[in-house]
């Protein structure tokens, strides 16, 4: 019954290897090559898919499993603490996603200027 929630939360970590590669390359001062930029792009894509889209996907799955007409009915069918927890997690994911995209854009601008 809760397997999809556990699996979705476990998939949150799919973006972590790219974050680790980013920090490793930064420590080795290998930030001026195409691999560093490609890793950043893949990290942003993985973060978006596995973290930003995860909870909206869970709400859609719940809607379909309960035969609800609209996803807007889902919050009313769940306990308040499920919605509060989801909101907190989604808010943090959106916050970090904006920060990560800003950092990627600045890196891409630096790479474009150095070329």
Protein backbone atom coordinates (compact mmCIF):
# COMPACT_ATOMS: atom_id res chain seq x y z
CA UNK A 1 0.00 0.00 0.00
CA UNK A 2 2.78 2.46 0.80
CA UNK A 3 5.32 0.94 -1.57
CA UNK A 4 5.01 3.70 -4.14
CA UNK A 5 5.66 6.37 -1.51
CA UNK A 6 8.78 4.59 -0.27
CA UNK A 7 9.99 3.99 -3.83
CA UNK A 8 9.42 7.62 -4.78
CA UNK A 9 11.30 8.89 -1.75
CA UNK A 10 14.14 6.45 -2.49
CA UNK A 11 14.29 7.80 -6.05
CA UNK A 12 14.97 11.25 -4.59
CA UNK A 13 18.55 10.06 -4.23
CA UNK A 14 18.98 9.47 -7.98
CA UNK A 15 20.37 12.99 -8.35
CA UNK A 16 22.93 12.58 -5.53
CA UNK A 17 25.71 10.89 -7.58
CA UNK A 18 25.78 13.90 -9.91
CA UNK A 19 26.03 16.24 -6.92
CA UNK A 20 28.95 14.15 -5.61
CA UNK A 21 30.70 14.30 -8.99
CA UNK A 22 30.17 18.08 -9.02
CA UNK A 23 31.83 18.50 -5.62
CA UNK A 24 34.65 16.08 -6.49
CA UNK A 25 35.44 17.94 -9.70
CA UNK A 26 35.29 21.25 -7.87
CA UNK A 27 37.77 19.99 -5.24
CA UNK A 28 40.10 18.77 -8.00
CA UNK A 29 39.76 22.16 -9.74
CA UNK A 30 38.40 20.52 -12.91
CA UNK A 31 35.61 23.05 -13.42
CA UNK A 32 36.72 24.40 -16.79
CA UNK A 33 35.82 21.46 -19.02
CA UNK A 34 32.80 20.12 -20.84
CA UNK A 35 32.39 17.14 -18.48
CA UNK A 36 31.77 19.50 -15.55
CA UNK A 37 29.11 21.38 -17.51
CA UNK A 38 27.47 18.16 -18.78
CA UNK A 39 27.38 16.79 -15.25
CA UNK A 40 25.66 20.00 -14.14
CA UNK A 41 23.01 19.72 -16.84
CA UNK A 42 22.34 16.05 -16.02
CA UNK A 43 22.20 16.90 -12.31
CA UNK A 44 19.57 19.60 -12.93
CA UNK A 45 17.52 17.22 -15.10
CA UNK A 46 17.72 14.41 -12.53
CA UNK A 47 16.88 16.79 -9.68
CA UNK A 48 13.85 18.05 -11.58
CA UNK A 49 12.52 14.61 -12.47
CA UNK A 50 13.23 12.78 -9.22
CA UNK A 51 12.72 15.55 -6.69
CA UNK A 52 10.55 18.33 -8.10
CA UNK A 53 8.09 16.09 -9.97
CA UNK A 54 7.97 13.29 -7.37
CA UNK A 55 5.21 14.50 -5.06
CA UNK A 56 2.92 15.85 -7.77
CA UNK A 57 3.29 12.42 -9.38
CA UNK A 58 2.30 10.75 -6.09
CA UNK A 59 -0.81 12.91 -5.89
CA UNK A 60 -1.71 11.99 -9.48
CA UNK A 61 -1.23 8.28 -8.74
CA UNK A 62 -3.43 8.59 -5.65
CA UNK A 63 -6.09 10.36 -7.70
CA UNK A 64 -6.13 7.56 -10.27
CA UNK A 65 -6.08 4.79 -7.66
CA UNK A 66 -9.10 6.26 -5.83
CA UNK A 67 -11.00 7.14 -9.02
CA UNK A 68 -11.17 10.83 -8.21
CA UNK A 69 -12.24 13.25 -10.93
CA UNK A 70 -9.55 15.84 -10.20
CA UNK A 71 -6.17 15.96 -8.51
CA UNK A 72 -7.54 18.92 -6.54
CA UNK A 73 -9.64 16.44 -4.54
CA UNK A 74 -6.57 14.60 -3.26
CA UNK A 75 -5.53 17.02 -0.48
CA UNK A 76 -9.02 16.81 1.00
CA UNK A 77 -8.89 13.01 1.05
CA UNK A 78 -5.54 12.80 2.87
CA UNK A 79 -4.81 13.52 6.53
CA UNK A 80 -3.58 17.05 7.21
CA UNK A 81 -0.12 15.88 8.26
CA UNK A 82 0.42 14.14 4.90
CA UNK A 83 -0.36 17.38 3.10
CA UNK A 84 1.77 19.42 5.51
CA UNK A 85 4.73 17.07 5.06
CA UNK A 86 4.33 17.01 1.30
CA UNK A 87 4.11 20.80 1.18
CA UNK A 88 7.27 21.19 3.24
CA UNK A 89 9.22 18.71 1.14
CA UNK A 90 7.98 20.16 -2.17
CA UNK A 91 8.70 23.72 -1.01
CA UNK A 92 12.29 22.77 -0.17
CA UNK A 93 12.72 20.95 -3.49
CA UNK A 94 11.47 23.99 -5.44
CA UNK A 95 13.70 26.29 -3.41
CA UNK A 96 16.80 24.21 -4.12
CA UNK A 97 15.84 23.69 -7.75
CA UNK A 98 15.75 27.47 -8.31
CA UNK A 99 19.14 27.85 -6.61
CA UNK A 100 20.63 25.02 -8.68
CA UNK A 101 19.31 26.45 -11.97
CA UNK A 102 20.73 29.87 -11.08
CA UNK A 103 24.13 28.29 -10.40
CA UNK A 104 24.01 26.32 -13.65
CA UNK A 105 23.13 29.44 -15.64
CA UNK A 106 26.06 31.33 -14.12
CA UNK A 107 28.38 28.40 -14.94
CA UNK A 108 27.12 28.26 -18.52
CA UNK A 109 27.67 32.00 -18.91
CA UNK A 110 31.23 31.65 -17.58
CA UNK A 111 31.89 28.75 -19.96
CA UNK A 112 30.50 30.75 -22.87
CA UNK A 113 32.69 33.79 -22.07
CA UNK A 114 35.86 31.69 -21.73
CA UNK A 115 35.30 30.02 -25.12
